[in-house]
Amino acid sequence: MVSFNNITRLAFGKRFMNANGDIDEEGQEFKIIVNNGIKIGASLSVAEYIWYLRWLCPLNEELYKTHNERRDRLTKKIIEEHAQALQERGAKQHFVDALFTLREKYDLSDDTVFGLLWVCRMPFYN
């Protein structure tokens, strides 16, 4: 749990867990999204990558859509919080803030920013 708190603090600039080890609502949502992403990724078949085999192993498109919408909703919320804080107080030393400073310089799209944020979460498995 210490790694959970440290990584989220570095990447998102916030802690989802208090000193007693209680995870707040946003932290619970984050953990659910990460765990679902791992389950979905582990359940992918070769049909996901080879289109003409999809009739053998049909994909659950609704599951992917629901998961992606949930993940994007949380990511947008975090990005909006940082955008507002950036305007009010200036940049801090968090990964999201670093992305904001590089976003215009390298013309990063929203998809690129979202992808980079979710790559940061890879150490979480529980």
N, C-alpha and C. Protein backbone atom coordinates (compact mmCIF):
# COMPACT_ATOMS: atom_id res chain seq x y z
N MET A 1 0.80 -1.19 0.00
CA MET A 1 0.00 0.00 0.00
C MET A 1 0.85 1.26 0.00
N VAL A 2 2.05 1.17 0.53
CA VAL A 2 2.94 2.32 0.52
C VAL A 2 3.29 2.69 -0.92
N SER A 3 3.54 1.67 -1.75
CA SER A 3 3.87 1.96 -3.14
C SER A 3 2.68 2.60 -3.85
N PHE A 4 1.47 2.15 -3.52
CA PHE A 4 0.25 2.74 -4.09
C PHE A 4 0.23 4.24 -3.82
N ASN A 5 0.45 4.63 -2.58
CA ASN A 5 0.41 6.03 -2.19
C ASN A 5 1.55 6.82 -2.82
N ASN A 6 2.75 6.26 -2.84
CA ASN A 6 3.90 6.97 -3.40
C ASN A 6 3.78 7.18 -4.91
N ILE A 7 3.38 6.16 -5.62
CA ILE A 7 3.27 6.28 -7.07
C ILE A 7 2.16 7.24 -7.46
N THR A 8 1.00 7.14 -6.79
CA THR A 8 -0.09 8.07 -7.12
C THR A 8 0.30 9.51 -6.78
N ARG A 9 1.06 9.68 -5.74
CA ARG A 9 1.53 11.03 -5.37
C ARG A 9 2.48 11.57 -6.43
N LEU A 10 3.40 10.77 -6.90
CA LEU A 10 4.33 11.21 -7.95
C LEU A 10 3.63 11.45 -9.28
N ALA A 11 2.79 10.52 -9.67
CA ALA A 11 2.16 10.60 -10.99
C ALA A 11 1.03 11.63 -11.03
N PHE A 12 0.14 11.58 -10.04
CA PHE A 12 -1.06 12.42 -10.08
C PHE A 12 -1.00 13.60 -9.13
N GLY A 13 0.00 13.64 -8.26
CA GLY A 13 0.10 14.74 -7.33
C GLY A 13 -0.89 14.68 -6.19
N LYS A 14 -1.43 13.50 -5.92
CA LYS A 14 -2.39 13.37 -4.84
C LYS A 14 -2.30 11.98 -4.24
N ARG A 15 -2.70 11.91 -3.01
CA ARG A 15 -2.75 10.62 -2.32
C ARG A 15 -4.20 10.19 -2.25
N PHE A 16 -4.42 8.93 -2.51
CA PHE A 16 -5.75 8.37 -2.42
C PHE A 16 -5.97 7.65 -1.09
N MET A 17 -4.93 7.61 -0.26
CA MET A 17 -5.00 6.87 1.00
C MET A 17 -4.54 7.78 2.15
N ASN A 18 -5.26 7.72 3.27
CA ASN A 18 -4.86 8.53 4.42
C ASN A 18 -3.86 7.76 5.29
N ALA A 19 -3.46 8.35 6.40
CA ALA A 19 -2.45 7.75 7.28
C ALA A 19 -2.92 6.44 7.91
N ASN A 20 -4.24 6.26 8.03
CA ASN A 20 -4.78 5.03 8.61
C ASN A 20 -4.89 3.90 7.60
N GLY A 21 -4.56 4.17 6.35
CA GLY A 21 -4.65 3.14 5.31
C GLY A 21 -6.01 3.08 4.63
N ASP A 22 -6.88 4.04 4.92
CA ASP A 22 -8.19 4.09 4.29
C ASP A 22 -8.09 4.77 2.93
N ILE A 23 -8.63 4.12 1.92
CA ILE A 23 -8.58 4.66 0.56
C ILE A 23 -9.86 5.43 0.30
N ASP A 24 -9.72 6.65 -0.23
CA ASP A 24 -10.90 7.46 -0.50
C ASP A 24 -11.64 6.96 -1.74
N GLU A 25 -12.76 7.61 -2.05
CA GLU A 25 -13.62 7.16 -3.14
C GLU A 25 -12.90 7.16 -4.49
N GLU A 26 -12.15 8.22 -4.75
CA GLU A 26 -11.41 8.30 -6.01
C GLU A 26 -10.32 7.22 -6.08
N GLY A 27 -9.70 6.93 -4.96
CA GLY A 27 -8.70 5.86 -4.90
C GLY A 27 -9.30 4.50 -5.15
N GLN A 28 -10.50 4.27 -4.60
CA GLN A 28 -11.20 3.00 -4.85
C GLN A 28 -11.50 2.85 -6.34
N GLU A 29 -11.95 3.94 -6.95
CA GLU A 29 -12.24 3.92 -8.38
C GLU A 29 -10.97 3.61 -9.17
N PHE A 30 -9.87 4.22 -8.78
CA PHE A 30 -8.58 3.99 -9.43
C PHE A 30 -8.18 2.52 -9.33
N LYS A 31 -8.28 1.95 -8.13
CA LYS A 31 -7.93 0.54 -7.95
C LYS A 31 -8.82 -0.38 -8.77
N ILE A 32 -10.12 -0.09 -8.83
CA ILE A 32 -11.04 -0.91 -9.62
C ILE A 32 -10.67 -0.85 -11.09
N ILE A 33 -10.37 0.34 -11.58
CA ILE A 33 -10.01 0.50 -12.99
C ILE A 33 -8.73 -0.28 -13.30
N VAL A 34 -7.74 -0.16 -12.44
CA VAL A 34 -6.47 -0.87 -12.66
C VAL A 34 -6.70 -2.38 -12.64
N ASN A 35 -7.42 -2.88 -11.64
CA ASN A 35 -7.67 -4.32 -11.56
C ASN A 35 -8.48 -4.84 -12.74
N ASN A 36 -9.50 -4.07 -13.17
CA ASN A 36 -10.27 -4.48 -14.34
C ASN A 36 -9.42 -4.48 -15.60
N GLY A 37 -8.54 -3.49 -15.71
CA GLY A 37 -7.65 -3.43 -16.87
C GLY A 37 -6.73 -4.64 -16.94
N ILE A 38 -6.25 -5.07 -15.80
CA ILE A 38 -5.38 -6.25 -15.76
C ILE A 38 -6.17 -7.50 -16.12
N LYS A 39 -7.38 -7.62 -15.59
CA LYS A 39 -8.22 -8.78 -15.92
C LYS A 39 -8.57 -8.82 -17.41
N ILE A 40 -8.93 -7.68 -17.96
CA ILE A 40 -9.27 -7.62 -19.38
C ILE A 40 -8.05 -7.95 -20.22
N GLY A 41 -6.91 -7.39 -19.88
CA GLY A 41 -5.69 -7.65 -20.63
C GLY A 41 -5.28 -9.11 -20.59
N ALA A 42 -5.49 -9.74 -19.45
CA ALA A 42 -5.13 -11.15 -19.31
C ALA A 42 -6.09 -12.07 -20.05
N SER A 43 -7.29 -11.57 -20.32
CA SER A 43 -8.29 -12.43 -20.97
C SER A 43 -8.30 -12.30 -22.49
N LEU A 44 -7.46 -11.43 -23.03
CA LEU A 44 -7.44 -11.25 -24.49
C LEU A 44 -6.95 -12.53 -25.18
N SER A 45 -7.57 -12.81 -26.28
CA SER A 45 -7.16 -13.97 -27.06
C SER A 45 -6.42 -13.51 -28.31
N VAL A 46 -5.92 -14.45 -29.04
CA VAL A 46 -5.21 -14.14 -30.28
C VAL A 46 -6.16 -13.45 -31.27
N ALA A 47 -7.47 -13.67 -31.12
CA ALA A 47 -8.46 -13.06 -32.01
C ALA A 47 -8.46 -11.54 -31.90
N GLU A 48 -8.01 -11.01 -30.79
CA GLU A 48 -7.93 -9.56 -30.64
C GLU A 48 -6.95 -8.96 -31.64
N TYR A 49 -5.94 -9.70 -31.99
CA TYR A 49 -4.87 -9.19 -32.84
C TYR A 49 -4.96 -9.67 -34.28
N ILE A 50 -5.66 -10.75 -34.51
CA ILE A 50 -5.80 -11.30 -35.86
C ILE A 50 -7.29 -11.24 -36.22
N TRP A 51 -7.65 -10.25 -37.01
CA TRP A 51 -9.06 -9.94 -37.25
C TRP A 51 -9.85 -11.10 -37.84
N TYR A 52 -9.25 -11.90 -38.71
CA TYR A 52 -10.02 -12.96 -39.36
C TYR A 52 -10.27 -14.17 -38.45
N LEU A 53 -9.73 -14.15 -37.22
CA LEU A 53 -10.01 -15.20 -36.25
C LEU A 53 -11.07 -14.77 -35.22
N ARG A 54 -11.57 -13.57 -35.34
CA ARG A 54 -12.52 -13.06 -34.34
C ARG A 54 -13.81 -13.86 -34.27
N TRP A 55 -14.18 -14.54 -35.34
CA TRP A 55 -15.39 -15.35 -35.30
C TRP A 55 -15.23 -16.54 -34.35
N LEU A 56 -13.98 -16.97 -34.12
CA LEU A 56 -13.72 -18.07 -33.20
C LEU A 56 -13.89 -17.65 -31.73
N CYS A 57 -13.40 -16.49 -31.42
CA CYS A 57 -13.43 -15.97 -30.04
C CYS A 57 -13.96 -14.54 -30.07
N PRO A 58 -15.28 -14.38 -30.10
CA PRO A 58 -15.83 -13.01 -30.16
C PRO A 58 -15.45 -12.22 -28.90
N LEU A 59 -15.18 -10.96 -29.11
CA LEU A 59 -14.77 -10.08 -28.01
C LEU A 59 -16.00 -9.46 -27.36
N ASN A 60 -15.88 -9.18 -26.09
CA ASN A 60 -16.94 -8.52 -25.37
C ASN A 60 -16.75 -7.01 -25.53
N GLU A 61 -17.24 -6.48 -26.61
CA GLU A 61 -17.05 -5.06 -26.94
C GLU A 61 -17.64 -4.14 -25.88
N GLU A 62 -18.77 -4.53 -25.30
CA GLU A 62 -19.42 -3.69 -24.28
C GLU A 62 -18.54 -3.59 -23.03
N LEU A 63 -17.87 -4.67 -22.65
CA LEU A 63 -16.97 -4.65 -21.51
C LEU A 63 -15.82 -3.67 -21.74
N TYR A 64 -15.21 -3.71 -22.93
CA TYR A 64 -14.12 -2.79 -23.26
C TYR A 64 -14.61 -1.35 -23.26
N LYS A 65 -15.77 -1.13 -23.84
CA LYS A 65 -16.31 0.23 -23.92
C LYS A 65 -16.58 0.79 -22.53
N THR A 66 -17.21 0.01 -21.67
CA THR A 66 -17.51 0.45 -20.31
C THR A 66 -16.23 0.75 -19.53
N HIS A 67 -15.26 -0.14 -19.64
CA HIS A 67 -13.99 0.04 -18.93
C HIS A 67 -13.28 1.30 -19.42
N ASN A 68 -13.21 1.49 -20.72
CA ASN A 68 -12.51 2.65 -21.28
C ASN A 68 -13.20 3.96 -20.89
N GLU A 69 -14.52 3.97 -20.88
CA GLU A 69 -15.25 5.18 -20.47
C GLU A 69 -14.99 5.50 -19.00
N ARG A 70 -14.97 4.49 -18.18
CA ARG A 70 -14.72 4.68 -16.74
C ARG A 70 -13.30 5.21 -16.52
N ARG A 71 -12.33 4.62 -17.20
CA ARG A 71 -10.94 5.05 -17.09
C ARG A 71 -10.78 6.49 -17.58
N ASP A 72 -11.40 6.80 -18.71
CA ASP A 72 -11.28 8.15 -19.26
C ASP A 72 -11.94 9.20 -18.37
N ARG A 73 -13.06 8.85 -17.73
CA ARG A 73 -13.74 9.77 -16.83
C ARG A 73 -12.83 10.15 -15.66
N LEU A 74 -12.18 9.16 -15.05
CA LEU A 74 -11.27 9.44 -13.94
C LEU A 74 -10.06 10.24 -14.41
N THR A 75 -9.52 9.88 -15.56
CA THR A 75 -8.35 10.58 -16.09
C THR A 75 -8.68 12.04 -16.39
N LYS A 76 -9.83 12.29 -17.00
CA LYS A 76 -10.23 13.66 -17.30
C LYS A 76 -10.40 14.47 -16.02
N LYS A 77 -10.95 13.85 -15.00
CA LYS A 77 -11.13 14.54 -13.71
C LYS A 77 -9.78 14.96 -13.13
N ILE A 78 -8.82 14.05 -13.16
CA ILE A 78 -7.48 14.35 -12.63
C ILE A 78 -6.81 15.43 -13.46
N ILE A 79 -6.93 15.36 -14.78
CA ILE A 79 -6.32 16.36 -15.65
C ILE A 79 -6.96 17.73 -15.43
N GLU A 80 -8.28 17.77 -15.29
CA GLU A 80 -8.96 19.05 -15.04
C GLU A 80 -8.54 19.66 -13.72
N GLU A 81 -8.38 18.83 -12.69
CA GLU A 81 -7.91 19.33 -11.39
C GLU A 81 -6.53 19.96 -11.52
N HIS A 82 -5.65 19.30 -12.26
CA HIS A 82 -4.29 19.82 -12.44
C HIS A 82 -4.27 21.07 -13.31
N ALA A 83 -5.13 21.12 -14.33
CA ALA A 83 -5.18 22.31 -15.19
C ALA A 83 -5.62 23.52 -14.37
N GLN A 84 -6.61 23.34 -13.50
CA GLN A 84 -7.08 24.43 -12.66
C GLN A 84 -5.99 24.84 -11.67
N ALA A 85 -5.34 23.87 -11.04
CA ALA A 85 -4.27 24.18 -10.08
C ALA A 85 -3.09 24.86 -10.78
N LEU A 86 -2.81 24.48 -12.01
CA LEU A 86 -1.72 25.08 -12.77
C LEU A 86 -1.99 26.56 -13.02
N GLN A 87 -3.23 26.88 -13.34
CA GLN A 87 -3.59 28.28 -13.57
C GLN A 87 -3.55 29.09 -12.28
N GLU A 88 -3.95 28.48 -11.18
CA GLU A 88 -4.02 29.20 -9.90
C GLU A 88 -2.67 29.32 -9.21
N ARG A 89 -1.90 28.24 -9.19
CA ARG A 89 -0.67 28.22 -8.38
C ARG A 89 0.61 27.99 -9.17
N GLY A 90 0.50 27.64 -10.42
CA GLY A 90 1.69 27.32 -11.20
C GLY A 90 2.00 25.83 -11.14
N ALA A 91 3.00 25.41 -11.89
CA ALA A 91 3.34 23.99 -12.00
C ALA A 91 4.02 23.49 -10.73
N LYS A 92 3.74 22.24 -10.41
CA LYS A 92 4.42 21.54 -9.32
C LYS A 92 5.22 20.41 -9.94
N GLN A 93 5.81 19.59 -9.13
CA GLN A 93 6.68 18.53 -9.62
C GLN A 93 5.96 17.19 -9.70
N HIS A 94 4.89 17.14 -10.46
CA HIS A 94 4.14 15.91 -10.66
C HIS A 94 4.17 15.56 -12.14
N PHE A 95 3.95 14.31 -12.44
CA PHE A 95 3.99 13.85 -13.82
C PHE A 95 2.94 14.55 -14.67
N VAL A 96 1.75 14.77 -14.14
CA VAL A 96 0.69 15.44 -14.89
C VAL A 96 1.13 16.86 -15.24
N ASP A 97 1.72 17.55 -14.29
CA ASP A 97 2.20 18.91 -14.55
C ASP A 97 3.32 18.92 -15.58
N ALA A 98 4.18 17.93 -15.53
CA ALA A 98 5.24 17.83 -16.54
C ALA A 98 4.64 17.62 -17.93
N LEU A 99 3.58 16.82 -18.01
CA LEU A 99 2.91 16.61 -19.29
C LEU A 99 2.30 17.91 -19.81
N PHE A 100 1.75 18.72 -18.92
CA PHE A 100 1.18 19.99 -19.34
C PHE A 100 2.25 20.91 -19.92
N THR A 101 3.42 20.92 -19.30
CA THR A 101 4.48 21.79 -19.82
C THR A 101 5.03 21.29 -21.15
N LEU A 102 5.00 19.98 -21.37
CA LEU A 102 5.50 19.42 -22.62
C LEU A 102 4.42 19.30 -23.70
N ARG A 103 3.16 19.40 -23.28
CA ARG A 103 2.03 19.20 -24.19
C ARG A 103 2.08 20.15 -25.40
N GLU A 104 2.26 21.43 -25.13
CA GLU A 104 2.29 22.39 -26.23
C GLU A 104 3.60 22.33 -27.00
N LYS A 105 4.69 22.11 -26.31
CA LYS A 105 5.99 22.07 -26.97
C LYS A 105 6.06 20.96 -28.01
N TYR A 106 5.52 19.79 -27.67
CA TYR A 106 5.58 18.64 -28.57
C TYR A 106 4.23 18.30 -29.19
N ASP A 107 3.23 19.17 -28.99
CA ASP A 107 1.90 19.00 -29.56
C ASP A 107 1.32 17.62 -29.22
N LEU A 108 1.31 17.29 -27.93
CA LEU A 108 0.78 16.01 -27.47
C LEU A 108 -0.75 16.03 -27.52
N SER A 109 -1.34 14.97 -28.02
CA SER A 109 -2.80 14.86 -28.07
C SER A 109 -3.33 14.38 -26.73
N ASP A 110 -4.65 14.48 -26.55
CA ASP A 110 -5.28 13.97 -25.33
C ASP A 110 -5.03 12.48 -25.17
N ASP A 111 -5.10 11.74 -26.27
CA ASP A 111 -4.86 10.30 -26.22
C ASP A 111 -3.45 9.99 -25.74
N THR A 112 -2.48 10.77 -26.19
CA THR A 112 -1.10 10.56 -25.76
C THR A 112 -0.95 10.84 -24.27
N VAL A 113 -1.54 11.93 -23.81
CA VAL A 113 -1.48 12.29 -22.39
C VAL A 113 -2.15 11.21 -21.54
N PHE A 114 -3.35 10.75 -21.96
CA PHE A 114 -4.04 9.69 -21.23
C PHE A 114 -3.19 8.42 -21.18
N GLY A 115 -2.62 8.05 -22.32
CA GLY A 115 -1.80 6.85 -22.38
C GLY A 115 -0.60 6.92 -21.47
N LEU A 116 0.08 8.05 -21.46
CA LEU A 116 1.25 8.21 -20.60
C LEU A 116 0.86 8.16 -19.12
N LEU A 117 -0.28 8.73 -18.79
CA LEU A 117 -0.73 8.67 -17.40
C LEU A 117 -1.01 7.24 -16.97
N TRP A 118 -1.60 6.44 -17.85
CA TRP A 118 -1.94 5.07 -17.47
C TRP A 118 -0.75 4.14 -17.51
N VAL A 119 0.29 4.50 -18.24
CA VAL A 119 1.52 3.71 -18.19
C VAL A 119 2.14 3.83 -16.80
N CYS A 120 1.95 4.98 -16.16
CA CYS A 120 2.49 5.20 -14.80
C CYS A 120 1.89 4.26 -13.78
N ARG A 121 0.72 3.77 -14.02
CA ARG A 121 0.04 2.94 -13.02
C ARG A 121 0.47 1.48 -13.07
N MET A 122 1.34 1.08 -13.96
CA MET A 122 1.70 -0.32 -14.13
C MET A 122 2.17 -1.05 -12.86
N PRO A 123 2.79 -0.39 -11.87
CA PRO A 123 3.21 -1.15 -10.68
C PRO A 123 2.07 -1.66 -9.82
N PHE A 124 0.83 -1.26 -10.08
CA PHE A 124 -0.28 -1.67 -9.22
C PHE A 124 -0.91 -2.96 -9.72
N TYR A 125 -0.91 -3.94 -8.89
CA TYR A 125 -1.57 -5.20 -9.24
C TYR A 125 -2.64 -5.56 -8.24
N ASN A 126 -2.69 -4.95 -7.09
CA ASN A 126 -3.72 -5.24 -6.07
C ASN A 126 -4.37 -3.99 -5.59
